[in-house]
N, C-alpha and C. Protein backbone atom coordinates (compact mmCIF):
# COMPACT_ATOMS: atom_id res chain seq x y z
N MET A 1 0.72 -1.25 -0.05
CA MET A 1 -0.03 -0.03 0.05
C MET A 1 0.88 1.32 0.01
N ARG A 2 0.67 2.14 -1.20
CA ARG A 2 1.52 3.36 -0.96
C ARG A 2 0.45 4.26 -0.37
N PHE A 3 1.26 5.33 0.18
CA PHE A 3 0.80 6.53 0.79
C PHE A 3 0.39 7.57 -0.38
N LYS A 4 -0.70 7.95 -0.26
CA LYS A 4 -0.92 9.24 -1.38
C LYS A 4 -1.28 10.27 -0.34
N PHE A 5 -1.05 11.61 -0.85
CA PHE A 5 -1.16 12.66 0.11
C PHE A 5 -2.54 13.24 -0.41
N TYR A 6 -3.48 13.30 0.24
CA TYR A 6 -4.98 14.10 -0.04
C TYR A 6 -4.85 15.24 0.65
N TYR A 7 -4.59 16.25 -0.08
CA TYR A 7 -4.31 17.77 0.21
C TYR A 7 -5.20 18.18 1.15
N ASP A 8 -6.78 17.98 0.86
CA ASP A 8 -7.72 18.65 1.20
C ASP A 8 -8.12 18.22 2.74
N GLU A 9 -7.83 16.81 2.82
CA GLU A 9 -8.23 16.21 4.15
C GLU A 9 -6.93 15.81 5.26
N PHE A 10 -5.85 15.86 4.73
CA PHE A 10 -4.67 15.65 5.58
C PHE A 10 -4.57 16.00 6.85
N ILE A 11 -4.97 16.98 6.67
CA ILE A 11 -4.79 18.29 8.03
C ILE A 11 -5.77 17.43 9.24
N LEU A 12 -6.98 16.81 8.86
CA LEU A 12 -7.69 16.37 9.69
C LEU A 12 -7.92 14.93 9.87
N SER A 13 -7.27 14.13 8.94
CA SER A 13 -7.25 12.83 9.07
C SER A 13 -5.91 12.27 8.20
N HIS A 14 -5.04 11.49 8.79
CA HIS A 14 -3.91 11.09 8.27
C HIS A 14 -3.99 9.66 7.76
N HIS A 15 -5.31 8.97 7.56
CA HIS A 15 -5.40 7.93 6.97
C HIS A 15 -5.46 8.08 5.79
N ASN A 16 -5.18 6.93 4.76
CA ASN A 16 -5.66 6.96 3.57
C ASN A 16 -6.97 6.06 3.39
N PRO A 17 -7.50 6.23 2.26
CA PRO A 17 -9.03 5.82 2.10
C PRO A 17 -9.42 4.42 2.70
N ASP A 18 -8.33 3.45 2.52
CA ASP A 18 -8.66 2.43 2.97
C ASP A 18 -9.05 2.21 4.29
N GLU A 19 -8.53 3.18 5.26
CA GLU A 19 -8.69 3.08 6.90
C GLU A 19 -9.52 4.35 7.16
N TYR A 20 -10.56 4.86 6.19
CA TYR A 20 -11.37 5.81 6.74
C TYR A 20 -12.44 5.26 7.64
N TYR A 21 -12.45 3.97 7.54
CA TYR A 21 -13.35 3.48 8.73
C TYR A 21 -12.83 3.77 10.34
N ARG A 22 -11.86 4.50 10.08
CA ARG A 22 -10.91 4.96 11.47
C ARG A 22 -11.46 6.30 11.90
N CYS A 23 -12.22 6.86 11.03
CA CYS A 23 -12.55 8.41 10.85
C CYS A 23 -13.86 8.44 11.01
N TYR A 24 -14.41 9.78 11.55
CA TYR A 24 -15.90 10.43 11.47
C TYR A 24 -15.98 11.06 10.08
N LEU A 25 -17.04 10.75 9.30
CA LEU A 25 -17.32 11.39 8.13
C LEU A 25 -18.01 12.74 8.48
N ILE A 26 -17.57 13.72 8.20
CA ILE A 26 -18.38 15.26 8.41
C ILE A 26 -18.60 15.76 7.10
N LYS A 27 -19.88 16.28 6.89
CA LYS A 27 -20.23 16.95 5.85
C LYS A 27 -20.37 18.61 6.25
N LEU A 28 -19.44 19.26 5.69
CA LEU A 28 -19.40 20.64 5.96
C LEU A 28 -19.31 21.55 4.74
N PHE A 29 -20.40 22.35 4.42
CA PHE A 29 -20.41 23.24 3.48
C PHE A 29 -20.48 22.36 2.07
N GLY A 30 -21.17 21.06 2.00
CA GLY A 30 -21.39 20.59 0.90
C GLY A 30 -19.98 19.67 0.68
N LYS A 31 -19.33 19.75 1.48
CA LYS A 31 -18.05 18.58 1.41
C LYS A 31 -18.03 17.61 2.44
N SER A 32 -17.37 16.37 2.13
CA SER A 32 -17.17 15.51 3.18
C SER A 32 -15.59 15.48 3.51
N ILE A 33 -15.56 15.59 4.76
CA ILE A 33 -14.32 15.61 5.43
C ILE A 33 -14.20 14.36 6.75
N HIS A 34 -13.29 13.50 6.47
CA HIS A 34 -12.77 12.39 7.14
C HIS A 34 -11.89 13.09 8.51
N VAL A 35 -12.29 12.94 9.70
CA VAL A 35 -11.83 13.38 11.04
C VAL A 35 -11.24 12.03 11.60
N CYS A 36 -10.28 11.90 12.01
CA CYS A 36 -9.50 10.65 12.81
C CYS A 36 -10.17 10.75 13.95
N ALA A 37 -10.80 9.41 14.34
CA ALA A 37 -11.43 9.48 15.63
C ALA A 37 -10.69 9.56 16.73
N ARG A 38 -9.30 9.03 16.96
CA ARG A 38 -8.60 8.95 18.19
C ARG A 38 -7.83 10.62 18.05
N CYS A 39 -7.56 11.12 17.25
CA CYS A 39 -6.95 12.54 16.92
C CYS A 39 -8.13 13.50 17.51
N LEU A 40 -9.56 13.27 17.13
CA LEU A 40 -10.38 14.15 17.76
C LEU A 40 -10.47 14.11 18.95
N GLY A 41 -10.30 12.98 19.76
CA GLY A 41 -10.30 12.87 21.09
C GLY A 41 -9.00 13.48 22.00
N VAL A 42 -7.86 13.37 21.28
CA VAL A 42 -6.59 13.77 21.64
C VAL A 42 -6.50 15.13 21.80
N TYR A 43 -6.83 15.64 20.55
CA TYR A 43 -6.49 17.24 20.42
C TYR A 43 -7.51 18.09 21.24
N SER A 44 -8.80 17.62 21.08
CA SER A 44 -9.82 18.42 21.86
C SER A 44 -9.74 18.35 23.39
N PHE A 45 -9.23 17.27 23.90
CA PHE A 45 -8.94 17.02 25.39
C PHE A 45 -7.88 17.51 25.85
N ALA A 46 -6.72 17.65 25.01
CA ALA A 46 -5.52 18.28 25.24
C ALA A 46 -5.35 19.58 25.14
N ILE A 47 -6.27 20.50 24.53
CA ILE A 47 -6.55 21.93 24.77
C ILE A 47 -7.27 22.06 25.87
N LEU A 48 -8.60 21.37 25.90
CA LEU A 48 -9.20 21.75 27.21
C LEU A 48 -8.51 21.30 28.52
N SER A 49 -7.96 20.37 28.52
CA SER A 49 -7.14 19.86 29.92
C SER A 49 -5.99 20.87 30.10
N PHE A 50 -5.11 21.33 28.95
CA PHE A 50 -4.27 22.40 29.68
C PHE A 50 -4.77 23.41 29.88
N VAL A 51 -5.95 24.03 29.47
CA VAL A 51 -6.58 25.09 30.05
C VAL A 51 -7.07 25.06 31.58
N PHE A 52 -7.81 23.90 31.83
CA PHE A 52 -8.20 23.36 32.95
C PHE A 52 -7.35 23.31 34.02
N TYR A 53 -6.05 22.88 33.59
CA TYR A 53 -4.96 22.55 34.63
C TYR A 53 -4.57 23.90 35.29
N PHE A 54 -4.58 25.12 34.65
CA PHE A 54 -4.43 26.27 35.19
C PHE A 54 -5.14 26.82 36.23
N LEU A 55 -6.51 26.36 36.02
CA LEU A 55 -7.53 26.64 36.97
C LEU A 55 -7.57 25.70 38.10
N VAL A 56 -6.92 24.57 38.10
CA VAL A 56 -7.23 23.67 39.27
C VAL A 56 -6.03 23.07 39.73
N ASN A 57 -5.74 22.94 40.98
CA ASN A 57 -4.30 22.39 41.42
C ASN A 57 -4.74 20.86 41.54
N LEU A 58 -3.99 20.01 41.18
CA LEU A 58 -4.35 18.64 41.10
C LEU A 58 -3.11 18.07 42.47
N SER A 59 -3.68 17.05 43.05
CA SER A 59 -3.05 16.31 44.22
C SER A 59 -1.95 15.37 43.51
N SER A 60 -0.75 15.38 43.88
CA SER A 60 0.36 14.62 43.40
C SER A 60 -0.32 13.13 42.99
N SER A 61 -1.09 12.53 43.60
CA SER A 61 -1.47 11.00 43.26
C SER A 61 -2.33 11.04 41.84
N LEU A 62 -3.02 12.07 41.98
CA LEU A 62 -3.85 12.31 40.49
C LEU A 62 -3.23 12.70 39.37
N ASN A 63 -2.09 13.59 39.90
CA ASN A 63 -1.10 13.80 38.80
C ASN A 63 -0.61 12.48 38.15
N LEU A 64 0.02 11.51 39.05
CA LEU A 64 0.56 10.21 38.66
C LEU A 64 -0.22 9.46 38.11
N VAL A 65 -1.43 9.56 38.11
CA VAL A 65 -2.54 8.84 37.64
C VAL A 65 -2.75 8.93 36.07
N ILE A 66 -2.91 10.40 35.99
CA ILE A 66 -2.96 10.78 34.77
C ILE A 66 -1.74 10.79 33.97
N LEU A 67 -0.65 10.96 34.14
CA LEU A 67 0.61 10.80 33.43
C LEU A 67 1.00 9.47 33.29
N TYR A 68 0.83 8.52 34.16
CA TYR A 68 1.35 7.40 33.92
C TYR A 68 0.15 5.96 33.71
N LEU A 69 -1.24 6.48 33.93
CA LEU A 69 -2.19 5.46 33.73
C LEU A 69 -3.05 5.74 32.51
N PHE A 70 -3.43 7.13 32.35
CA PHE A 70 -4.39 7.61 31.33
C PHE A 70 -4.21 7.12 29.99
N PRO A 71 -2.81 7.21 29.73
CA PRO A 71 -2.30 6.87 28.23
C PRO A 71 -2.42 5.24 27.79
N ILE A 72 -2.55 4.37 29.02
CA ILE A 72 -2.59 2.89 28.66
C ILE A 72 -3.73 2.55 27.95
N PRO A 73 -4.92 2.90 28.10
CA PRO A 73 -6.13 2.46 27.10
C PRO A 73 -5.67 2.54 25.79
N ALA A 74 -5.24 4.08 25.34
CA ALA A 74 -5.02 4.20 23.91
C ALA A 74 -3.88 3.19 23.35
N PHE A 75 -2.84 2.90 24.39
CA PHE A 75 -1.97 1.83 23.60
C PHE A 75 -2.52 0.83 23.65
N VAL A 76 -3.30 0.18 24.41
CA VAL A 76 -3.98 -1.18 24.17
C VAL A 76 -4.69 -1.31 22.95
N ASP A 77 -5.69 -0.32 22.74
CA ASP A 77 -6.48 -0.10 21.53
C ASP A 77 -5.50 -0.16 20.39
N TRP A 78 -4.52 0.57 20.40
CA TRP A 78 -3.78 0.83 19.03
C TRP A 78 -2.83 -0.50 18.87
N GLY A 79 -2.62 -0.96 19.91
CA GLY A 79 -1.53 -2.18 19.75
C GLY A 79 -2.50 -3.62 19.53
N LEU A 80 -3.79 -3.46 19.78
CA LEU A 80 -4.77 -4.67 19.28
C LEU A 80 -4.83 -4.40 17.98
N TYR A 81 -4.98 -3.19 17.33
CA TYR A 81 -5.38 -2.84 15.96
C TYR A 81 -4.09 -3.34 15.30
N ARG A 82 -2.85 -2.92 15.82
CA ARG A 82 -1.66 -3.16 15.02
C ARG A 82 -1.28 -4.80 14.89
N PHE A 83 -1.88 -5.48 15.84
CA PHE A 83 -1.22 -6.84 15.81
C PHE A 83 -2.71 -7.58 15.39
N LYS A 84 -3.53 -6.85 14.58
CA LYS A 84 -4.69 -7.33 13.88
C LYS A 84 -5.54 -8.19 15.02
N ILE A 85 -5.69 -8.27 16.24
CA ILE A 85 -6.65 -8.72 17.12
C ILE A 85 -7.78 -8.09 17.17
N TRP A 86 -7.87 -6.95 16.99
CA TRP A 86 -9.40 -6.02 16.98
C TRP A 86 -9.03 -5.04 16.20
N LYS A 87 -10.35 -4.98 15.50
CA LYS A 87 -10.32 -3.66 14.47
C LYS A 87 -10.75 -2.43 15.21
N GLY A 88 -11.43 -2.63 16.28
CA GLY A 88 -11.78 -1.36 17.10
C GLY A 88 -12.89 -0.51 16.37
N ILE A 89 -13.44 0.17 17.21
CA ILE A 89 -14.58 1.44 16.84
C ILE A 89 -14.37 2.51 17.11
N ASN A 90 -14.80 3.58 16.64
CA ASN A 90 -14.67 4.79 16.67
C ASN A 90 -15.00 5.52 18.01
N PRO A 91 -16.03 5.25 18.55
CA PRO A 91 -16.10 5.93 19.78
C PRO A 91 -15.08 5.28 20.87
N ILE A 92 -14.65 4.12 20.67
CA ILE A 92 -13.36 3.70 21.81
C ILE A 92 -12.40 4.55 21.44
N ARG A 93 -11.95 4.69 19.85
CA ARG A 93 -10.79 5.21 19.73
C ARG A 93 -11.08 6.94 20.09
N THR A 94 -12.24 7.23 20.02
CA THR A 94 -12.29 8.59 20.51
C THR A 94 -11.89 8.88 22.11
N LEU A 95 -12.48 7.86 22.86
CA LEU A 95 -12.54 7.82 24.16
C LEU A 95 -10.90 7.76 24.60
N THR A 96 -10.29 6.70 24.00
CA THR A 96 -9.16 6.58 24.57
C THR A 96 -8.17 7.64 24.01
N GLY A 97 -8.39 8.41 23.01
CA GLY A 97 -8.04 9.38 22.49
C GLY A 97 -8.00 10.56 23.47
N ALA A 98 -9.19 10.58 24.16
CA ALA A 98 -9.45 11.64 25.36
C ALA A 98 -8.65 11.43 26.48
N PHE A 99 -8.53 10.26 26.85
CA PHE A 99 -7.76 10.01 28.06
C PHE A 99 -6.05 10.25 27.65
N LEU A 100 -5.80 9.95 26.46
CA LEU A 100 -4.36 10.57 26.09
C LEU A 100 -4.12 11.80 25.88
N GLY A 101 -5.30 12.92 25.29
CA GLY A 101 -5.15 13.93 25.39
C GLY A 101 -5.05 14.52 26.55
N ILE A 102 -5.75 14.18 27.63
CA ILE A 102 -5.84 14.69 28.88
C ILE A 102 -4.18 14.51 29.50
N THR A 103 -3.53 13.32 29.33
CA THR A 103 -2.36 13.22 29.38
C THR A 103 -1.28 14.39 29.01
N TYR A 104 -1.65 14.54 27.67
CA TYR A 104 -0.68 15.60 26.82
C TYR A 104 -1.06 17.01 27.43
N GLY A 105 -2.34 17.48 27.56
CA GLY A 105 -2.49 18.45 28.52
C GLY A 105 -1.82 18.77 29.64
N ARG A 106 -1.70 17.61 30.44
CA ARG A 106 -1.12 17.70 31.70
C ARG A 106 0.38 18.05 31.54
N LEU A 107 1.18 17.20 30.66
CA LEU A 107 2.48 17.19 30.17
C LEU A 107 2.63 18.64 29.73
N GLY A 108 1.95 19.05 28.81
CA GLY A 108 2.34 20.67 28.34
C GLY A 108 2.21 21.62 29.56
N PHE A 109 1.35 21.61 30.30
CA PHE A 109 0.92 22.34 31.59
C PHE A 109 2.13 21.94 32.59
N LEU A 110 2.56 20.86 32.73
CA LEU A 110 4.00 20.51 33.61
C LEU A 110 5.27 21.24 33.05
N PHE A 111 5.17 21.31 31.62
CA PHE A 111 6.42 21.99 31.01
C PHE A 111 6.35 23.34 31.25
N VAL A 112 5.09 23.94 30.96
CA VAL A 112 5.07 25.24 30.99
C VAL A 112 5.66 25.64 32.78
N GLU A 113 5.01 25.09 33.67
CA GLU A 113 5.21 25.49 35.11
C GLU A 113 6.58 25.08 35.43
N ASN A 114 7.22 23.78 35.00
CA ASN A 114 8.66 23.62 35.25
C ASN A 114 9.37 23.07 34.15
N PRO A 115 10.04 23.30 33.23
CA PRO A 115 10.51 22.45 32.11
C PRO A 115 11.47 21.36 32.43
N PHE A 116 11.66 21.49 33.88
CA PHE A 116 12.93 20.34 34.31
C PHE A 116 12.20 19.39 35.11
N ASN A 117 10.54 19.41 35.38
CA ASN A 117 10.08 18.07 35.86
C ASN A 117 10.39 16.74 35.52
N ILE A 118 11.02 16.02 36.43
CA ILE A 118 11.43 14.74 35.76
C ILE A 118 10.35 13.86 35.36
N HIS A 119 9.18 14.10 35.79
CA HIS A 119 7.83 13.26 35.20
C HIS A 119 7.53 13.57 33.76
N ILE A 120 7.99 14.87 33.06
CA ILE A 120 7.54 15.11 31.70
C ILE A 120 8.37 13.85 31.15
N TYR A 121 9.61 13.84 31.36
CA TYR A 121 10.59 13.09 30.70
C TYR A 121 10.54 11.55 30.66
N ILE A 122 10.09 11.24 31.80
CA ILE A 122 10.09 9.94 32.30
C ILE A 122 8.60 9.16 31.45
N VAL A 123 7.70 10.22 31.35
CA VAL A 123 6.46 9.78 30.79
C VAL A 123 6.64 9.71 29.14
N ALA A 124 7.68 10.60 28.76
CA ALA A 124 7.55 10.86 27.56
C ALA A 124 8.53 9.78 26.78
N LEU A 125 9.51 9.34 27.38
CA LEU A 125 10.57 8.09 26.95
C LEU A 125 9.65 7.01 27.31
N SER A 126 8.91 6.84 28.15
CA SER A 126 8.39 5.46 28.27
C SER A 126 7.21 5.10 27.28
N TYR A 127 6.84 5.99 26.81
CA TYR A 127 5.36 5.66 25.76
C TYR A 127 6.17 6.01 24.59
N ILE A 128 7.22 6.50 24.14
CA ILE A 128 8.19 6.57 22.97
C ILE A 128 8.65 5.08 22.64
N ILE A 129 9.18 4.52 23.84
CA ILE A 129 9.74 3.25 23.86
C ILE A 129 8.61 2.11 23.65
N LEU A 130 7.37 2.17 24.26
CA LEU A 130 6.55 1.37 24.18
C LEU A 130 5.64 1.43 22.71
N ALA A 131 5.81 2.67 22.19
CA ALA A 131 5.07 2.68 20.63
C ALA A 131 6.03 2.26 19.80
N PHE A 132 7.41 2.36 19.79
CA PHE A 132 8.24 1.65 19.13
C PHE A 132 8.25 0.26 19.03
N LEU A 133 8.03 -0.41 20.41
CA LEU A 133 8.11 -1.62 20.39
C LEU A 133 6.78 -2.21 19.88
N ILE A 134 5.68 -1.82 19.96
CA ILE A 134 4.53 -2.20 19.27
C ILE A 134 4.64 -2.11 17.85
N LEU A 135 5.38 -0.90 17.38
CA LEU A 135 5.46 -0.91 15.86
C LEU A 135 6.35 -1.89 15.37
N ARG A 136 7.45 -2.21 15.78
CA ARG A 136 8.72 -2.89 15.38
C ARG A 136 8.16 -4.43 15.54
N ILE A 137 7.15 -4.87 16.87
CA ILE A 137 6.95 -6.20 16.81
C ILE A 137 5.65 -6.50 15.97
N SER A 138 5.01 -5.45 15.55
CA SER A 138 3.74 -5.72 14.66
C SER A 138 4.39 -5.81 13.28
N LEU A 139 5.50 -4.81 13.16
CA LEU A 139 5.80 -5.14 11.51
C LEU A 139 6.65 -6.35 11.28
N ARG A 140 7.38 -6.83 12.41
CA ARG A 140 7.94 -8.42 12.38
C ARG A 140 7.04 -9.15 11.81
N ILE A 141 5.99 -9.19 12.80
CA ILE A 141 4.75 -10.12 12.72
C ILE A 141 4.18 -9.97 11.25
N LYS A 142 3.87 -8.93 10.94
CA LYS A 142 3.47 -8.83 9.39
C LYS A 142 4.35 -9.41 8.15
N SER A 143 5.74 -9.07 8.49
CA SER A 143 6.48 -9.59 7.44
C SER A 143 6.63 -10.96 7.43
N GLN A 144 6.16 -11.72 8.17
CA GLN A 144 6.19 -13.40 8.33
C GLN A 144 5.30 -14.05 7.53
């Protein structure tokens, strides 16, 4: 499968047409636009939570839950898809994206508050490694 760049839709959906089932179809001004289900949850909740954290002071235990546990459902859902165990459904993608977005908003807030907060880098590195492993193993399985 070759990637073709769809200029008018790429900003809202990074999926090729054969993966549009992972998107919501929105009709706007007589035009159909595909919006990635997970990204819709991620970006909307990242922005909302970033603003929210300026208004509310979180306890350290809730902070740790948001940073370390909230992204797990998105990784599980994405991993199940990558390993072809479960194709998934858009409401679940959006919900897991929302949890991920809440974490992104918190990380952004912590960075603005103190760019040297160690949790920012532990979380980022942990999830980068996890994403790399899921991709690497799924590609290895796919090539067999």
